[in-house]
Amino acid sequence: MTDIQRFDVDTAGPAEWARFHRYRRLRDEELHPGEPQSTDADFEHAARRRMPFFEAERFVALEGAEQVGNLMIWRRRPDAPNSEPFAPHADAWLGVLEAHRRRGIGSRLLQPLLAFMRTHGKTVATMNTFHPDGHAFLAAAGAVLKHRAVESRMQIDRLDAGQLARWKAEGNAGGALQFEIHAGRTPMERLAQLMTPFSDMFNDMPLGELELPPARYELDGYADWYRELDRSGGEHHLVLLVDADGMLAAMCEAYWDARTPERLYQRLTGVARAWRGRSLAKAVKAAMLENVRARHPGLRTVITYNAEVNAPILAINRRLGFEVHRRQGFYQLGVEALAAYMARRGEPAA
């Protein structure tokens, strides 16, 4: 018999945490074979720390003495700034070990999700998956595929230094722009000036048919992230192209983590609408790769995520040597559709 329980990261004892870690290591290896895994200490720190804008609840599926599944639900904290647009939304992630699938455990884990949505007035939950089983499960539960993304990876030794130099030179835009490069950290006072243009660029990115509140870059989020980077020995790298008044035309950011020193994780690359069609995305990506490679000679792999419909950036990545590693689907599940699915299965919310 499967038992669904809430997992409280602040009160769980050593035995509960040991059980959770056994499960997550197995689950991570099933989902991401051969990929680096968090240490127990790092995982517990991340789970327990108070995030500035979001909070999470966790549930576990137990069979006897072992955990076989889990559910995580995130929502924007009601006491956080700008919480109102997020009020209808929740994010969720659900997993079941392969050996225990097709026995109704995933559906039982949806019970606390439905209860959470009803308790907190959430009308839609956003979920994602990389795997065929996940796509089938979410579709069966009534979720609708709204967006597809691509994870691409590039081996750094495939980079052409001459190509990078040529692309970087194009960022000059006939003398109208100049590079502003921050290696490792960006001063908070400069980040404060960039929150609005970063938000505008992100909100101009293609996100399929996802129904989401407007994204908003927030300075407290960067301050919190920098504290975590300080703890882990990580670095935030930021390349900007700005005009004579310091106004943003294009940007590219990435982060490096001392715990996985052979990898660089690229984040947003964006170009302001007024500056598109002038090869600026190529320029900032080239400058980023050139600078980080020089700073970290041990770097081997660059990892990035892009919308499947973002043809221009995918074309740039292919020319740099990125190859598709896997594809991700984003689903949205309405509370009424979830309730109907649970009713059909005879499983009311817990």
Protein backbone atom coordinates (compact mmCIF):
# COMPACT_ATOMS: atom_id res chain seq x y z
CA MET A 1 0.00 0.00 0.00
CA THR A 2 1.35 3.40 -0.97
CA ASP A 3 1.27 6.06 1.71
CA ILE A 4 1.36 9.75 0.68
CA GLN A 5 2.84 12.02 3.35
CA ARG A 6 3.89 15.64 3.58
CA PHE A 7 7.66 16.02 3.87
CA ASP A 8 8.63 18.95 6.10
CA VAL A 9 12.23 19.93 5.38
CA ASP A 10 12.50 21.77 8.72
CA THR A 11 11.32 18.96 10.99
CA ALA A 12 12.42 15.83 9.10
CA GLY A 13 14.82 13.71 11.10
CA PRO A 14 18.03 11.98 9.94
CA ALA A 15 16.22 8.75 9.00
CA GLU A 16 13.64 10.60 6.91
CA TRP A 17 16.33 12.59 5.15
CA ALA A 18 18.40 9.44 4.52
CA ARG A 19 15.34 7.82 2.92
CA PHE A 20 14.70 10.91 0.80
CA HIS A 21 18.34 11.00 -0.38
CA ARG A 22 18.28 7.33 -1.37
CA TYR A 23 15.22 8.03 -3.47
CA ARG A 24 16.46 11.22 -5.12
CA ARG A 25 19.79 9.67 -6.11
CA LEU A 26 17.98 6.80 -7.82
CA ARG A 27 15.49 9.18 -9.43
CA ASP A 28 18.19 11.59 -10.63
CA GLU A 29 20.14 8.75 -12.22
CA GLU A 30 17.01 7.56 -14.03
CA LEU A 31 16.22 11.05 -15.29
CA HIS A 32 19.76 12.28 -15.96
CA PRO A 33 22.13 9.30 -16.35
CA GLY A 34 25.73 10.12 -15.57
CA GLU A 35 25.01 13.73 -14.59
CA PRO A 36 26.51 15.30 -11.43
CA GLN A 37 24.31 15.05 -8.34
CA SER A 38 24.07 17.38 -5.35
CA THR A 39 25.70 16.29 -2.13
CA ASP A 40 23.30 15.57 0.71
CA ALA A 41 24.44 18.72 2.53
CA ASP A 42 23.96 20.94 -0.53
CA PHE A 43 20.55 19.46 -1.27
CA GLU A 44 19.32 19.97 2.29
CA HIS A 45 20.65 23.52 2.36
CA ALA A 46 18.83 24.36 -0.87
CA ALA A 47 15.61 22.75 0.38
CA ARG A 48 15.65 24.54 3.73
CA ARG A 49 16.74 28.02 2.74
CA ARG A 50 14.13 30.74 2.58
CA MET A 51 13.79 32.06 -0.95
CA PRO A 52 12.93 35.75 -1.34
CA PHE A 53 9.86 35.27 -3.54
CA PHE A 54 8.76 31.63 -3.62
CA GLU A 55 7.97 28.87 -1.16
CA ALA A 56 7.61 25.13 -1.67
CA GLU A 57 5.71 22.21 -0.21
CA ARG A 58 6.89 18.63 -0.63
CA PHE A 59 5.10 15.29 -0.47
CA VAL A 60 6.50 11.77 -0.64
CA ALA A 61 5.09 8.41 -1.70
CA LEU A 62 6.19 5.61 0.62
CA GLU A 63 6.01 1.87 0.23
CA GLY A 64 7.08 0.22 3.44
CA ALA A 65 10.37 1.70 4.57
CA GLU A 66 11.30 3.22 1.21
CA GLN A 67 10.31 6.27 -0.78
CA VAL A 68 9.17 5.58 -4.34
CA GLY A 69 7.88 8.97 -5.49
CA ASN A 70 7.64 12.64 -4.67
CA LEU A 71 5.76 15.85 -5.45
CA MET A 72 7.00 19.41 -5.13
CA ILE A 73 4.71 22.46 -5.39
CA TRP A 74 5.90 26.05 -5.61
CA ARG A 75 3.96 29.27 -5.30
CA ARG A 76 4.94 32.90 -5.03
CA ARG A 77 4.74 33.90 -1.38
CA PRO A 78 1.68 36.07 -0.76
CA ASP A 79 3.82 38.47 1.31
CA ALA A 80 6.33 38.97 -1.52
CA PRO A 81 6.19 42.09 -3.68
CA ASN A 82 4.25 41.76 -6.94
CA SER A 83 2.47 38.62 -5.73
CA GLU A 84 -0.99 39.47 -7.09
CA PRO A 85 -0.38 38.47 -10.76
CA PHE A 86 0.91 35.12 -9.52
CA ALA A 87 -2.13 34.38 -7.35
CA PRO A 88 -3.79 31.90 -9.77
CA HIS A 89 -0.52 30.07 -10.55
CA ALA A 90 1.40 27.18 -9.05
CA ASP A 91 4.35 25.18 -10.35
CA ALA A 92 4.67 21.48 -9.67
CA TRP A 93 7.08 18.61 -10.28
CA LEU A 94 6.18 14.95 -9.76
CA GLY A 95 8.26 11.80 -10.05
CA VAL A 96 7.95 8.04 -9.50
CA LEU A 97 10.75 5.49 -9.69
CA GLU A 98 10.60 3.44 -12.88
CA ALA A 99 10.11 0.12 -11.08
CA HIS A 100 6.98 1.49 -9.37
CA ARG A 101 5.20 3.13 -12.31
CA ARG A 102 1.83 2.20 -13.77
CA ARG A 103 0.47 1.34 -10.34
CA GLY A 104 -1.41 4.58 -9.70
CA ILE A 105 1.28 6.20 -7.51
CA GLY A 106 1.60 9.25 -9.74
CA SER A 107 -2.15 9.77 -9.67
CA ARG A 108 -2.19 9.48 -5.89
CA LEU A 109 0.52 12.13 -5.72
CA LEU A 110 -1.85 14.46 -7.57
CA GLN A 111 -4.19 14.37 -4.55
CA PRO A 112 -2.14 16.87 -2.52
CA LEU A 113 -1.68 19.02 -5.63
CA LEU A 114 -5.44 19.32 -6.04
CA ALA A 115 -5.87 20.04 -2.34
CA PHE A 116 -3.13 22.69 -2.49
CA MET A 117 -4.71 24.38 -5.51
CA ARG A 118 -8.13 24.49 -3.88
CA THR A 119 -6.79 25.68 -0.53
CA HIS A 120 -4.76 28.51 -2.05
CA GLY A 121 -7.11 29.51 -4.85
CA LYS A 122 -4.83 28.30 -7.65
CA THR A 123 -6.51 27.74 -11.00
CA VAL A 124 -3.57 26.43 -13.04
CA ALA A 125 -0.42 24.40 -12.34
CA THR A 126 2.56 24.46 -14.70
CA MET A 127 4.57 21.25 -14.99
CA ASN A 128 7.33 20.03 -17.31
CA THR A 129 8.93 16.82 -18.46
CA PHE A 130 11.79 15.56 -20.61
CA HIS A 131 10.56 11.97 -20.89
CA PRO A 132 7.91 10.03 -22.86
CA ASP A 133 6.38 8.59 -19.67
CA GLY A 134 6.01 12.09 -18.30
CA HIS A 135 4.30 13.35 -21.45
CA ALA A 136 1.85 10.44 -21.38
CA PHE A 137 1.08 10.87 -17.68
CA LEU A 138 0.46 14.61 -17.89
CA ALA A 139 -1.74 14.27 -20.97
CA ALA A 140 -3.79 11.55 -19.27
CA ALA A 141 -4.27 13.81 -16.23
CA GLY A 142 -5.78 16.53 -18.43
CA ALA A 143 -2.74 18.78 -18.75
CA VAL A 144 -2.23 20.64 -22.03
CA LEU A 145 1.14 20.94 -23.76
CA LYS A 146 1.76 24.69 -24.11
CA HIS A 147 5.48 25.10 -24.83
CA ARG A 148 8.54 23.16 -25.94
CA ALA A 149 12.15 23.90 -25.08
CA VAL A 150 15.47 22.49 -26.20
CA GLU A 151 18.49 21.76 -24.04
CA SER A 152 21.64 22.08 -26.14
CA ARG A 153 25.26 21.36 -25.26
CA MET A 154 28.52 22.38 -26.82
CA GLN A 155 32.03 21.10 -26.27
CA ILE A 156 34.24 24.12 -25.70
CA ASP A 157 37.12 22.71 -27.76
CA ARG A 158 34.90 22.96 -30.85
CA LEU A 159 34.91 26.74 -30.70
CA ASP A 160 36.55 28.62 -33.55
CA ALA A 161 38.55 31.51 -32.07
CA GLY A 162 38.49 33.36 -35.39
CA GLN A 163 34.72 33.09 -35.60
CA LEU A 164 34.34 34.41 -32.06
CA ALA A 165 36.55 37.38 -32.86
CA ARG A 166 34.58 38.20 -36.02
CA TRP A 167 31.23 37.90 -34.23
CA LYS A 168 32.43 40.00 -31.33
CA ALA A 169 33.59 42.75 -33.73
CA GLU A 170 30.06 42.95 -35.16
CA GLY A 171 28.84 44.18 -31.77
CA ASN A 172 30.29 47.58 -32.47
CA ALA A 173 27.22 48.40 -34.61
CA GLY A 174 29.14 50.99 -36.59
CA GLY A 175 30.53 52.66 -33.47
CA ALA A 176 27.12 53.08 -31.83
CA LEU A 177 27.63 50.46 -29.11
CA GLN A 178 30.29 49.29 -26.71
CA PHE A 179 30.79 46.20 -24.59
CA GLU A 180 30.33 46.22 -20.83
CA ILE A 181 31.62 42.97 -19.32
CA HIS A 182 31.25 41.82 -15.71
CA ALA A 183 33.23 38.70 -14.81
CA GLY A 184 32.20 36.83 -11.68
CA ARG A 185 29.88 39.48 -10.22
CA THR A 186 28.06 42.59 -11.34
CA PRO A 187 27.82 45.52 -8.89
CA MET A 188 24.37 45.67 -7.33
CA GLU A 189 23.94 49.31 -8.27
CA ARG A 190 24.45 48.39 -11.94
CA LEU A 191 22.08 45.43 -11.66
CA ALA A 192 19.45 47.76 -10.21
CA GLN A 193 19.55 49.75 -13.46
CA LEU A 194 19.13 46.59 -15.52
CA MET A 195 16.10 44.95 -13.89
CA THR A 196 13.52 46.68 -16.11
CA PRO A 197 15.33 46.16 -19.45
CA PHE A 198 16.10 42.54 -18.51
CA SER A 199 12.41 41.99 -17.73
CA ASP A 200 11.38 43.60 -21.01
CA MET A 201 13.76 41.36 -22.97
CA PHE A 202 12.59 38.19 -21.25
CA ASN A 203 8.93 39.03 -21.75
CA ASP A 204 9.64 39.50 -25.45
CA MET A 205 10.92 35.92 -25.74
CA PRO A 206 8.67 33.23 -27.30
CA LEU A 207 7.02 31.04 -24.66
CA GLY A 208 4.51 29.23 -26.82
CA GLU A 209 1.00 29.32 -25.40
CA LEU A 210 1.94 29.33 -21.73
CA GLU A 211 -0.42 31.44 -19.63
CA LEU A 212 1.90 33.15 -17.15
CA PRO A 213 2.15 36.48 -15.36
CA PRO A 214 4.74 38.84 -16.85
CA ALA A 215 8.25 37.92 -15.76
CA ARG A 216 9.95 40.45 -13.55
CA TYR A 217 13.67 40.46 -12.79
CA GLU A 218 14.11 41.59 -9.19
CA LEU A 219 17.19 42.87 -7.40
CA ASP A 220 16.49 40.88 -4.24
CA GLY A 221 16.57 37.75 -6.38
CA TYR A 222 20.08 38.56 -7.58
CA ALA A 223 21.21 39.39 -4.04
CA ASP A 224 19.91 36.03 -2.82
CA TRP A 225 21.52 34.24 -5.77
CA TYR A 226 24.85 35.95 -5.11
CA ARG A 227 24.78 34.75 -1.51
CA GLU A 228 24.34 31.21 -2.80
CA LEU A 229 27.14 31.70 -5.32
CA ASP A 230 29.37 32.94 -2.51
CA ARG A 231 28.60 29.75 -0.60
CA SER A 232 29.33 27.43 -3.53
CA GLY A 233 32.20 29.31 -5.13
CA GLY A 234 30.11 30.21 -8.15
CA GLU A 235 30.36 33.07 -10.60
CA HIS A 236 27.81 35.14 -12.52
CA HIS A 237 29.06 36.35 -15.89
CA LEU A 238 27.32 39.16 -17.70
CA VAL A 239 28.06 40.67 -21.11
CA LEU A 240 26.20 43.80 -22.21
CA LEU A 241 26.14 45.95 -25.30
CA VAL A 242 25.18 49.50 -24.41
CA ASP A 243 24.87 52.80 -26.24
CA ALA A 244 26.62 56.05 -25.31
CA ASP A 245 24.07 56.70 -22.56
CA GLY A 246 24.50 53.23 -21.04
CA MET A 247 21.13 52.03 -22.36
CA LEU A 248 20.93 48.31 -23.00
CA ALA A 249 20.92 46.99 -26.56
CA ALA A 250 21.84 43.33 -25.96
CA MET A 251 22.84 41.02 -23.14
CA CYS A 252 24.08 37.52 -22.41
CA GLU A 253 24.49 36.00 -18.96
CA ALA A 254 25.83 32.70 -17.66
CA TYR A 255 26.98 31.11 -14.45
CA TRP A 256 29.83 28.84 -13.43
CA ASP A 257 29.89 26.64 -10.33
CA ALA A 258 33.09 25.47 -8.64
CA ARG A 259 31.36 22.17 -7.83
CA THR A 260 31.11 21.40 -11.57
CA PRO A 261 34.08 23.38 -12.91
CA GLU A 262 34.00 21.78 -16.34
CA ARG A 263 30.55 23.26 -17.09
CA LEU A 264 29.13 26.65 -17.93
CA TYR A 265 25.37 27.22 -17.77
CA GLN A 266 24.16 29.93 -20.10
CA ARG A 267 21.08 31.89 -19.14
CA LEU A 268 19.26 34.62 -21.03
CA THR A 269 20.55 36.04 -24.30
CA GLY A 270 18.43 38.95 -25.47
CA VAL A 271 18.41 41.86 -27.90
CA ALA A 272 16.21 44.94 -27.55
CA ARG A 273 13.69 45.23 -30.39
CA ALA A 274 15.18 48.44 -31.71
CA TRP A 275 18.54 46.72 -32.19
CA ARG A 276 17.51 43.44 -33.77
CA GLY A 277 18.82 42.32 -37.14
CA ARG A 278 22.33 43.62 -36.46
CA SER A 279 24.03 40.40 -35.26
CA LEU A 280 24.15 41.55 -31.65
CA ALA A 281 23.11 38.17 -30.21
CA LYS A 282 26.10 36.60 -31.93
CA ALA A 283 28.35 39.35 -30.58
CA VAL A 284 27.37 39.01 -26.92
CA LYS A 285 27.46 35.20 -27.04
CA ALA A 286 30.92 35.31 -28.62
CA ALA A 287 32.20 37.77 -26.03
CA MET A 288 30.79 35.63 -23.22
CA LEU A 289 32.40 32.43 -24.46
CA GLU A 290 35.71 34.13 -25.17
CA ASN A 291 35.90 35.65 -21.70
CA VAL A 292 34.78 32.63 -19.69
CA ARG A 293 37.04 30.25 -21.59
CA ALA A 294 40.02 32.47 -20.80
CA ARG A 295 39.01 32.68 -17.13
CA HIS A 296 38.39 28.92 -16.73
CA PRO A 297 40.79 26.83 -18.85
CA GLY A 298 39.26 23.64 -17.43
CA LEU A 299 35.88 24.42 -18.95
CA ARG A 300 34.63 21.64 -21.22
CA THR A 301 30.87 21.94 -21.77
CA VAL A 302 28.42 24.80 -22.23
CA ILE A 303 24.73 24.07 -21.54
CA THR A 304 21.86 26.28 -22.65
CA TYR A 305 18.06 26.14 -22.92
CA ASN A 306 16.00 27.77 -25.65
CA ALA A 307 12.42 27.79 -26.87
CA GLU A 308 11.97 25.33 -29.71
CA VAL A 309 10.30 28.09 -31.75
CA ASN A 310 13.20 30.52 -31.28
CA ALA A 311 14.76 29.77 -34.65
CA PRO A 312 17.27 32.68 -34.70
CA ILE A 313 19.01 31.75 -31.44
CA LEU A 314 18.96 28.04 -32.27
CA ALA A 315 20.65 28.82 -35.59
CA ILE A 316 23.35 30.81 -33.79
CA ASN A 317 23.89 27.96 -31.37
CA ARG A 318 24.26 25.44 -34.19
CA ARG A 319 26.93 27.60 -35.82
CA LEU A 320 28.78 27.68 -32.51
CA GLY A 321 28.70 23.89 -32.30
CA PHE A 322 25.78 23.30 -29.93
CA GLU A 323 23.92 20.03 -30.39
CA VAL A 324 20.48 19.13 -29.06
CA HIS A 325 20.83 17.05 -25.90
CA ARG A 326 17.14 16.63 -25.05
CA ARG A 327 13.74 18.27 -25.46
CA GLN A 328 11.41 19.50 -22.75
CA GLY A 329 7.65 19.93 -22.75
CA PHE A 330 5.80 22.42 -20.53
CA TYR A 331 2.22 21.61 -19.59
CA GLN A 332 -0.51 23.50 -17.80
CA LEU A 333 -3.13 21.69 -15.76
CA GLY A 334 -6.32 23.50 -14.73
CA VAL A 335 -7.79 22.82 -11.32
CA GLU A 336 -11.12 21.70 -12.77
CA ALA A 337 -9.46 19.35 -15.24
CA LEU A 338 -7.41 17.89 -12.39
CA ALA A 339 -10.51 17.49 -10.23
CA ALA A 340 -12.30 15.70 -13.08
CA TYR A 341 -9.36 13.34 -13.57
CA MET A 342 -9.24 12.51 -9.86
CA ALA A 343 -13.01 11.96 -9.77
CA ARG A 344 -12.79 9.54 -12.71
CA ARG A 345 -10.22 7.57 -10.75
CA GLY A 346 -12.25 7.71 -7.57
CA GLU A 347 -9.45 9.53 -5.76
CA PRO A 348 -10.67 12.73 -4.08
CA ALA A 349 -8.18 15.33 -2.90
CA ALA A 350 -6.35 14.48 0.32
